[in-house]
N, C-alpha and C. Protein backbone atom coordinates (compact mmCIF):
# COMPACT_ATOMS: atom_id res chain seq x y z
N MET A 1 307.36 -132.13 108.56
CA MET A 1 306.74 -130.84 108.38
C MET A 1 305.76 -130.62 109.53
N PRO A 2 305.90 -129.50 110.25
CA PRO A 2 305.02 -129.27 111.39
C PRO A 2 303.61 -128.93 110.91
N SER A 3 302.67 -129.47 111.63
CA SER A 3 301.28 -129.19 111.26
C SER A 3 300.79 -127.97 112.03
N THR A 4 300.04 -127.15 111.35
CA THR A 4 299.47 -125.96 112.00
C THR A 4 297.97 -126.12 112.04
N THR A 5 297.44 -125.81 113.16
CA THR A 5 295.99 -125.89 113.32
C THR A 5 295.40 -124.53 112.95
N PRO A 6 294.10 -124.52 112.68
CA PRO A 6 293.47 -123.23 112.35
C PRO A 6 293.62 -122.20 113.48
N THR A 7 293.62 -122.67 114.72
CA THR A 7 293.77 -121.75 115.86
C THR A 7 295.14 -121.10 115.84
N THR A 8 296.17 -121.89 115.54
CA THR A 8 297.53 -121.35 115.47
C THR A 8 297.65 -120.36 114.33
N THR A 9 297.06 -120.67 113.20
CA THR A 9 297.10 -119.78 112.04
C THR A 9 296.40 -118.46 112.35
N ILE A 10 295.26 -118.53 113.00
CA ILE A 10 294.53 -117.31 113.38
C ILE A 10 295.35 -116.49 114.36
N TYR A 11 295.98 -117.17 115.33
CA TYR A 11 296.80 -116.47 116.32
C TYR A 11 297.97 -115.77 115.65
N LEU A 12 298.63 -116.48 114.70
CA LEU A 12 299.76 -115.88 113.99
C LEU A 12 299.31 -114.69 113.14
N ALA A 13 298.15 -114.82 112.50
CA ALA A 13 297.63 -113.72 111.68
C ALA A 13 297.31 -112.50 112.55
N LYS A 14 296.71 -112.73 113.72
CA LYS A 14 296.40 -111.62 114.62
C LYS A 14 297.68 -110.99 115.16
N SER A 15 298.67 -111.80 115.47
CA SER A 15 299.94 -111.28 115.97
C SER A 15 300.63 -110.43 114.90
N LEU A 16 300.63 -110.94 113.67
CA LEU A 16 301.23 -110.19 112.57
C LEU A 16 300.48 -108.88 112.34
N ARG A 17 299.17 -108.93 112.38
CA ARG A 17 298.35 -107.73 112.21
C ARG A 17 298.65 -106.72 113.32
N ARG A 18 298.79 -107.21 114.54
CA ARG A 18 299.09 -106.33 115.68
C ARG A 18 300.47 -105.69 115.51
N ILE A 19 301.45 -106.46 115.06
CA ILE A 19 302.80 -105.92 114.85
C ILE A 19 302.78 -104.85 113.77
N ILE A 20 302.08 -105.11 112.68
CA ILE A 20 301.98 -104.13 111.60
C ILE A 20 301.28 -102.87 112.09
N TYR A 21 300.23 -103.04 112.85
CA TYR A 21 299.48 -101.89 113.38
C TYR A 21 300.35 -101.05 114.31
N ILE A 22 301.05 -101.69 115.24
CA ILE A 22 301.90 -100.97 116.18
C ILE A 22 303.03 -100.26 115.44
N THR A 23 303.59 -100.90 114.43
CA THR A 23 304.65 -100.28 113.64
C THR A 23 304.12 -99.06 112.90
N ALA A 24 302.95 -99.18 112.28
CA ALA A 24 302.37 -98.05 111.55
C ALA A 24 302.05 -96.89 112.48
N VAL A 25 301.48 -97.19 113.63
CA VAL A 25 301.16 -96.12 114.59
C VAL A 25 302.45 -95.48 115.09
N GLY A 26 303.45 -96.28 115.38
CA GLY A 26 304.73 -95.74 115.84
C GLY A 26 305.38 -94.84 114.80
N LEU A 27 305.35 -95.26 113.54
CA LEU A 27 305.89 -94.42 112.47
C LEU A 27 305.09 -93.14 112.31
N GLY A 28 303.77 -93.24 112.44
CA GLY A 28 302.94 -92.04 112.34
C GLY A 28 303.22 -91.05 113.45
N ILE A 29 303.37 -91.56 114.67
CA ILE A 29 303.69 -90.68 115.80
C ILE A 29 305.08 -90.07 115.61
N ALA A 30 306.03 -90.88 115.18
CA ALA A 30 307.38 -90.37 114.94
C ALA A 30 307.38 -89.31 113.85
N PHE A 31 306.55 -89.48 112.83
CA PHE A 31 306.46 -88.52 111.74
C PHE A 31 305.98 -87.16 112.23
N VAL A 32 305.17 -87.15 113.28
CA VAL A 32 304.67 -85.90 113.83
C VAL A 32 305.60 -85.36 114.91
N ILE A 33 306.09 -86.21 115.79
CA ILE A 33 306.86 -85.78 116.95
C ILE A 33 308.30 -85.40 116.60
N LEU A 34 308.97 -86.17 115.76
CA LEU A 34 310.38 -85.91 115.47
C LEU A 34 310.63 -84.52 114.88
N PRO A 35 309.84 -84.03 113.92
CA PRO A 35 310.07 -82.66 113.46
C PRO A 35 309.89 -81.61 114.56
N LEU A 36 308.94 -81.85 115.46
CA LEU A 36 308.76 -80.91 116.57
C LEU A 36 309.96 -80.92 117.51
N VAL A 37 310.49 -82.10 117.79
CA VAL A 37 311.68 -82.20 118.65
C VAL A 37 312.87 -81.54 117.97
N ALA A 38 313.04 -81.78 116.67
CA ALA A 38 314.14 -81.16 115.93
C ALA A 38 314.02 -79.64 115.94
N LEU A 39 312.82 -79.14 115.77
CA LEU A 39 312.60 -77.70 115.79
C LEU A 39 312.90 -77.12 117.17
N LEU A 40 312.46 -77.79 118.21
CA LEU A 40 312.71 -77.34 119.57
C LEU A 40 314.21 -77.34 119.88
N LEU A 41 314.91 -78.40 119.50
CA LEU A 41 316.35 -78.47 119.74
C LEU A 41 317.09 -77.40 118.96
N ALA A 42 316.69 -77.15 117.73
CA ALA A 42 317.34 -76.10 116.93
C ALA A 42 317.07 -74.72 117.52
N ALA A 43 315.87 -74.52 118.03
CA ALA A 43 315.53 -73.21 118.59
C ALA A 43 316.27 -72.97 119.90
N LEU A 44 316.46 -74.01 120.70
CA LEU A 44 317.09 -73.84 122.01
C LEU A 44 318.61 -73.98 121.98
N SER A 45 319.19 -74.37 120.86
CA SER A 45 320.63 -74.62 120.83
C SER A 45 321.44 -73.34 120.99
N GLY A 46 320.95 -72.22 120.51
CA GLY A 46 321.71 -70.98 120.61
C GLY A 46 321.22 -70.05 121.69
N ILE A 47 320.39 -70.52 122.58
CA ILE A 47 319.80 -69.66 123.60
C ILE A 47 320.54 -69.85 124.92
N ASP A 48 320.90 -68.72 125.55
CA ASP A 48 321.51 -68.78 126.88
C ASP A 48 320.46 -69.13 127.91
N SER A 49 320.89 -69.79 128.97
CA SER A 49 319.94 -70.12 130.03
C SER A 49 319.46 -68.87 130.75
N ALA A 50 320.27 -67.81 130.73
CA ALA A 50 319.85 -66.55 131.36
C ALA A 50 318.66 -65.96 130.62
N LEU A 51 318.63 -66.14 129.31
CA LEU A 51 317.50 -65.63 128.53
C LEU A 51 316.22 -66.37 128.86
N LEU A 52 316.32 -67.69 129.08
CA LEU A 52 315.14 -68.47 129.44
C LEU A 52 314.62 -68.11 130.82
N ASN A 53 315.49 -67.65 131.70
CA ASN A 53 315.08 -67.25 133.04
C ASN A 53 314.69 -65.78 133.12
N SER A 54 314.69 -65.11 132.00
CA SER A 54 314.34 -63.69 131.96
C SER A 54 312.87 -63.50 132.36
N GLN A 55 312.61 -62.44 133.11
CA GLN A 55 311.25 -62.16 133.55
C GLN A 55 310.33 -61.88 132.36
N THR A 56 310.86 -61.23 131.33
CA THR A 56 310.06 -60.93 130.14
C THR A 56 309.62 -62.21 129.44
N ILE A 57 310.55 -63.15 129.31
CA ILE A 57 310.22 -64.42 128.66
C ILE A 57 309.21 -65.19 129.48
N LEU A 58 309.41 -65.23 130.79
CA LEU A 58 308.47 -65.96 131.65
C LEU A 58 307.09 -65.33 131.62
N THR A 59 307.03 -64.00 131.62
CA THR A 59 305.74 -63.30 131.55
C THR A 59 305.03 -63.60 130.24
N ALA A 60 305.78 -63.54 129.13
CA ALA A 60 305.18 -63.81 127.82
C ALA A 60 304.71 -65.26 127.73
N THR A 61 305.49 -66.18 128.27
CA THR A 61 305.10 -67.59 128.24
C THR A 61 303.85 -67.83 129.07
N MET A 62 303.80 -67.25 130.25
CA MET A 62 302.62 -67.41 131.11
C MET A 62 301.38 -66.79 130.46
N LEU A 63 301.55 -65.64 129.82
CA LEU A 63 300.44 -65.01 129.12
C LEU A 63 299.92 -65.93 128.01
N SER A 64 300.84 -66.54 127.27
CA SER A 64 300.44 -67.45 126.20
C SER A 64 299.72 -68.68 126.75
N VAL A 65 300.23 -69.24 127.82
CA VAL A 65 299.61 -70.44 128.41
C VAL A 65 298.23 -70.12 128.95
N ILE A 66 298.11 -69.01 129.67
CA ILE A 66 296.81 -68.62 130.24
C ILE A 66 295.80 -68.31 129.15
N THR A 67 296.25 -67.58 128.11
CA THR A 67 295.35 -67.25 127.00
C THR A 67 294.88 -68.51 126.29
N THR A 68 295.79 -69.44 126.07
CA THR A 68 295.43 -70.70 125.42
C THR A 68 294.44 -71.49 126.26
N LEU A 69 294.67 -71.56 127.55
CA LEU A 69 293.78 -72.29 128.44
C LEU A 69 292.38 -71.67 128.46
N ILE A 70 292.32 -70.35 128.57
CA ILE A 70 291.02 -69.67 128.61
C ILE A 70 290.28 -69.86 127.29
N SER A 71 290.98 -69.68 126.16
CA SER A 71 290.30 -69.82 124.87
C SER A 71 289.85 -71.25 124.62
N THR A 72 290.63 -72.23 125.06
CA THR A 72 290.22 -73.62 124.90
C THR A 72 288.98 -73.93 125.73
N LEU A 73 288.97 -73.47 126.97
CA LEU A 73 287.80 -73.70 127.82
C LEU A 73 286.56 -72.99 127.28
N LEU A 74 286.73 -71.76 126.77
CA LEU A 74 285.60 -71.05 126.18
C LEU A 74 285.07 -71.78 124.95
N MET A 75 285.98 -72.26 124.11
CA MET A 75 285.53 -72.95 122.90
C MET A 75 284.85 -74.26 123.23
N LEU A 76 285.30 -74.93 124.28
CA LEU A 76 284.61 -76.15 124.70
C LEU A 76 283.23 -75.84 125.25
N ALA A 77 283.14 -74.80 126.08
CA ALA A 77 281.87 -74.45 126.70
C ALA A 77 280.86 -73.90 125.69
N LEU A 78 281.33 -73.15 124.72
CA LEU A 78 280.42 -72.55 123.74
C LEU A 78 280.33 -73.36 122.45
N GLY A 79 281.43 -73.93 122.03
CA GLY A 79 281.47 -74.59 120.73
C GLY A 79 280.69 -75.89 120.65
N ILE A 80 280.79 -76.71 121.67
CA ILE A 80 280.08 -78.00 121.64
C ILE A 80 278.57 -77.82 121.65
N PRO A 81 278.00 -77.00 122.56
CA PRO A 81 276.55 -76.80 122.49
C PRO A 81 276.10 -76.14 121.18
N LEU A 82 276.90 -75.19 120.68
CA LEU A 82 276.54 -74.54 119.42
C LEU A 82 276.58 -75.54 118.27
N ALA A 83 277.58 -76.40 118.25
CA ALA A 83 277.67 -77.41 117.19
C ALA A 83 276.50 -78.38 117.25
N LEU A 84 276.12 -78.79 118.45
CA LEU A 84 274.96 -79.68 118.59
C LEU A 84 273.69 -78.99 118.12
N TRP A 85 273.51 -77.73 118.50
CA TRP A 85 272.33 -76.99 118.09
C TRP A 85 272.30 -76.81 116.57
N MET A 86 273.46 -76.48 115.98
CA MET A 86 273.50 -76.25 114.54
C MET A 86 273.30 -77.55 113.76
N SER A 87 273.70 -78.67 114.32
CA SER A 87 273.51 -79.93 113.61
C SER A 87 272.04 -80.34 113.55
N LYS A 88 271.24 -79.83 114.48
CA LYS A 88 269.82 -80.18 114.50
C LYS A 88 268.93 -79.09 113.92
N SER A 89 269.50 -77.92 113.69
CA SER A 89 268.70 -76.79 113.21
C SER A 89 268.51 -76.87 111.70
N THR A 90 267.31 -76.58 111.25
CA THR A 90 267.01 -76.56 109.81
C THR A 90 266.41 -75.22 109.40
N LYS A 91 266.50 -74.22 110.24
CA LYS A 91 265.91 -72.92 109.96
C LYS A 91 266.70 -72.21 108.87
N LEU A 92 266.08 -71.18 108.28
CA LEU A 92 266.70 -70.44 107.19
C LEU A 92 267.89 -69.62 107.69
N TRP A 93 267.77 -68.99 108.84
CA TRP A 93 268.85 -68.15 109.35
C TRP A 93 270.03 -68.98 109.87
N HIS A 94 269.88 -70.27 109.87
CA HIS A 94 270.96 -71.18 110.24
C HIS A 94 272.16 -70.97 109.31
N LYS A 95 271.90 -70.75 108.01
CA LYS A 95 272.97 -70.52 107.03
C LYS A 95 273.74 -69.24 107.35
N LEU A 96 273.02 -68.19 107.78
CA LEU A 96 273.67 -66.93 108.13
C LEU A 96 274.60 -67.12 109.33
N ILE A 97 274.13 -67.80 110.35
CA ILE A 97 274.96 -68.05 111.53
C ILE A 97 276.17 -68.91 111.16
N GLN A 98 275.96 -69.89 110.31
CA GLN A 98 277.06 -70.74 109.89
C GLN A 98 278.10 -69.93 109.11
N SER A 99 277.66 -69.01 108.27
CA SER A 99 278.58 -68.16 107.52
C SER A 99 279.38 -67.26 108.45
N ILE A 100 278.72 -66.69 109.45
CA ILE A 100 279.41 -65.82 110.40
C ILE A 100 280.45 -66.61 111.20
N LEU A 101 280.10 -67.83 111.58
CA LEU A 101 281.04 -68.65 112.35
C LEU A 101 282.20 -69.16 111.50
N THR A 102 282.01 -69.26 110.20
CA THR A 102 283.06 -69.72 109.30
C THR A 102 284.01 -68.59 108.91
N LEU A 103 283.57 -67.36 109.06
CA LEU A 103 284.35 -66.20 108.63
C LEU A 103 285.76 -66.16 109.22
N PRO A 104 285.98 -66.37 110.51
CA PRO A 104 287.36 -66.32 111.02
C PRO A 104 288.28 -67.38 110.42
N ILE A 105 287.73 -68.47 109.93
CA ILE A 105 288.56 -69.52 109.36
C ILE A 105 289.11 -69.10 108.00
N VAL A 106 288.29 -68.41 107.20
CA VAL A 106 288.71 -68.03 105.86
C VAL A 106 289.35 -66.65 105.80
N MET A 107 289.29 -65.90 106.90
CA MET A 107 289.87 -64.56 106.95
C MET A 107 291.39 -64.66 107.08
N PRO A 108 292.13 -63.82 106.33
CA PRO A 108 293.59 -63.83 106.48
C PRO A 108 294.00 -63.48 107.92
N PRO A 109 295.05 -64.08 108.44
CA PRO A 109 295.45 -63.84 109.83
C PRO A 109 295.73 -62.37 110.15
N ALA A 110 296.30 -61.63 109.19
CA ALA A 110 296.58 -60.21 109.45
C ALA A 110 295.29 -59.42 109.63
N VAL A 111 294.29 -59.73 108.84
CA VAL A 111 293.00 -59.04 108.96
C VAL A 111 292.33 -59.43 110.27
N ALA A 112 292.39 -60.70 110.63
CA ALA A 112 291.80 -61.14 111.89
C ALA A 112 292.51 -60.48 113.07
N GLY A 113 293.83 -60.38 113.03
CA GLY A 113 294.58 -59.72 114.10
C GLY A 113 294.23 -58.26 114.21
N LEU A 114 294.10 -57.58 113.08
CA LEU A 114 293.72 -56.17 113.10
C LEU A 114 292.31 -55.99 113.65
N ALA A 115 291.40 -56.88 113.26
CA ALA A 115 290.03 -56.81 113.77
C ALA A 115 290.00 -57.02 115.28
N LEU A 116 290.78 -57.97 115.78
CA LEU A 116 290.84 -58.20 117.23
C LEU A 116 291.44 -57.00 117.95
N LEU A 117 292.48 -56.41 117.36
CA LEU A 117 293.10 -55.24 117.97
C LEU A 117 292.15 -54.06 118.00
N LEU A 118 291.41 -53.84 116.91
CA LEU A 118 290.46 -52.74 116.87
C LEU A 118 289.27 -52.97 117.80
N THR A 119 289.01 -54.21 118.14
CA THR A 119 287.89 -54.51 119.04
C THR A 119 288.33 -54.54 120.49
N PHE A 120 289.42 -55.25 120.78
CA PHE A 120 289.82 -55.48 122.17
C PHE A 120 291.05 -54.71 122.60
N GLY A 121 291.70 -53.97 121.71
CA GLY A 121 292.89 -53.20 122.07
C GLY A 121 292.55 -52.07 123.04
N ARG A 122 293.58 -51.36 123.51
CA ARG A 122 293.37 -50.29 124.50
C ARG A 122 292.42 -49.21 124.01
N GLN A 123 292.47 -48.90 122.73
CA GLN A 123 291.60 -47.87 122.17
C GLN A 123 290.45 -48.47 121.37
N GLY A 124 290.25 -49.77 121.46
CA GLY A 124 289.23 -50.45 120.68
C GLY A 124 287.83 -50.25 121.22
N LEU A 125 286.87 -50.84 120.52
CA LEU A 125 285.47 -50.72 120.89
C LEU A 125 285.20 -51.22 122.31
N ILE A 126 285.76 -52.36 122.65
CA ILE A 126 285.52 -52.95 123.96
C ILE A 126 286.69 -52.67 124.90
N GLY A 127 287.90 -52.55 124.36
CA GLY A 127 289.09 -52.36 125.18
C GLY A 127 289.07 -51.11 126.03
N GLN A 128 288.48 -50.03 125.53
CA GLN A 128 288.45 -48.80 126.32
C GLN A 128 287.57 -48.94 127.55
N TYR A 129 286.60 -49.82 127.50
CA TYR A 129 285.73 -50.04 128.67
C TYR A 129 286.30 -51.08 129.62
N THR A 130 286.99 -52.07 129.07
CA THR A 130 287.57 -53.10 129.95
C THR A 130 288.73 -52.54 130.75
N SER A 131 289.44 -51.54 130.22
CA SER A 131 290.54 -50.95 130.99
C SER A 131 290.02 -50.22 132.23
N GLN A 132 288.80 -49.71 132.16
CA GLN A 132 288.20 -49.05 133.32
C GLN A 132 287.86 -50.08 134.41
N LEU A 133 287.66 -51.33 134.00
CA LEU A 133 287.36 -52.40 134.96
C LEU A 133 288.63 -53.07 135.50
N GLY A 134 289.78 -52.60 135.03
CA GLY A 134 291.04 -53.17 135.48
C GLY A 134 291.55 -54.29 134.60
N ILE A 135 290.89 -54.54 133.48
CA ILE A 135 291.33 -55.57 132.54
C ILE A 135 292.09 -54.87 131.43
N ASN A 136 293.41 -54.99 131.44
CA ASN A 136 294.24 -54.32 130.44
C ASN A 136 294.73 -55.33 129.42
N ILE A 137 294.39 -55.08 128.18
CA ILE A 137 294.82 -55.93 127.09
C ILE A 137 295.89 -55.18 126.32
N PRO A 138 297.08 -55.76 126.16
CA PRO A 138 298.17 -55.03 125.49
C PRO A 138 297.84 -54.70 124.05
């Protein structure tokens, strides 16, 4: 019968723990990634390559990418300092600001979209002035 030293036992336990951890992480990533890949393949299976090269599709895709990039950078620049300030603030009006900032999360998407359109659309509160500056929002 082979003798095992405590060092060997610890090494085997760590190796087993590492294998279990890598397997669990791999399964977790697969659980998230595989449905996205399946959705992408299903969406692209019936699409002609001419449609993907369409100027309209490319324009819409670029608009989405640019909008996402700008909103992410704005949220990083404004959200992190605001979160730090709110975590240290104990003032009474802190609750009011927190409620206002939480409102878009609990608002139905259709209402939020209508509010954005009425604010930033061509005939909206801000949109009519931004179009004079050359910033046209569809």
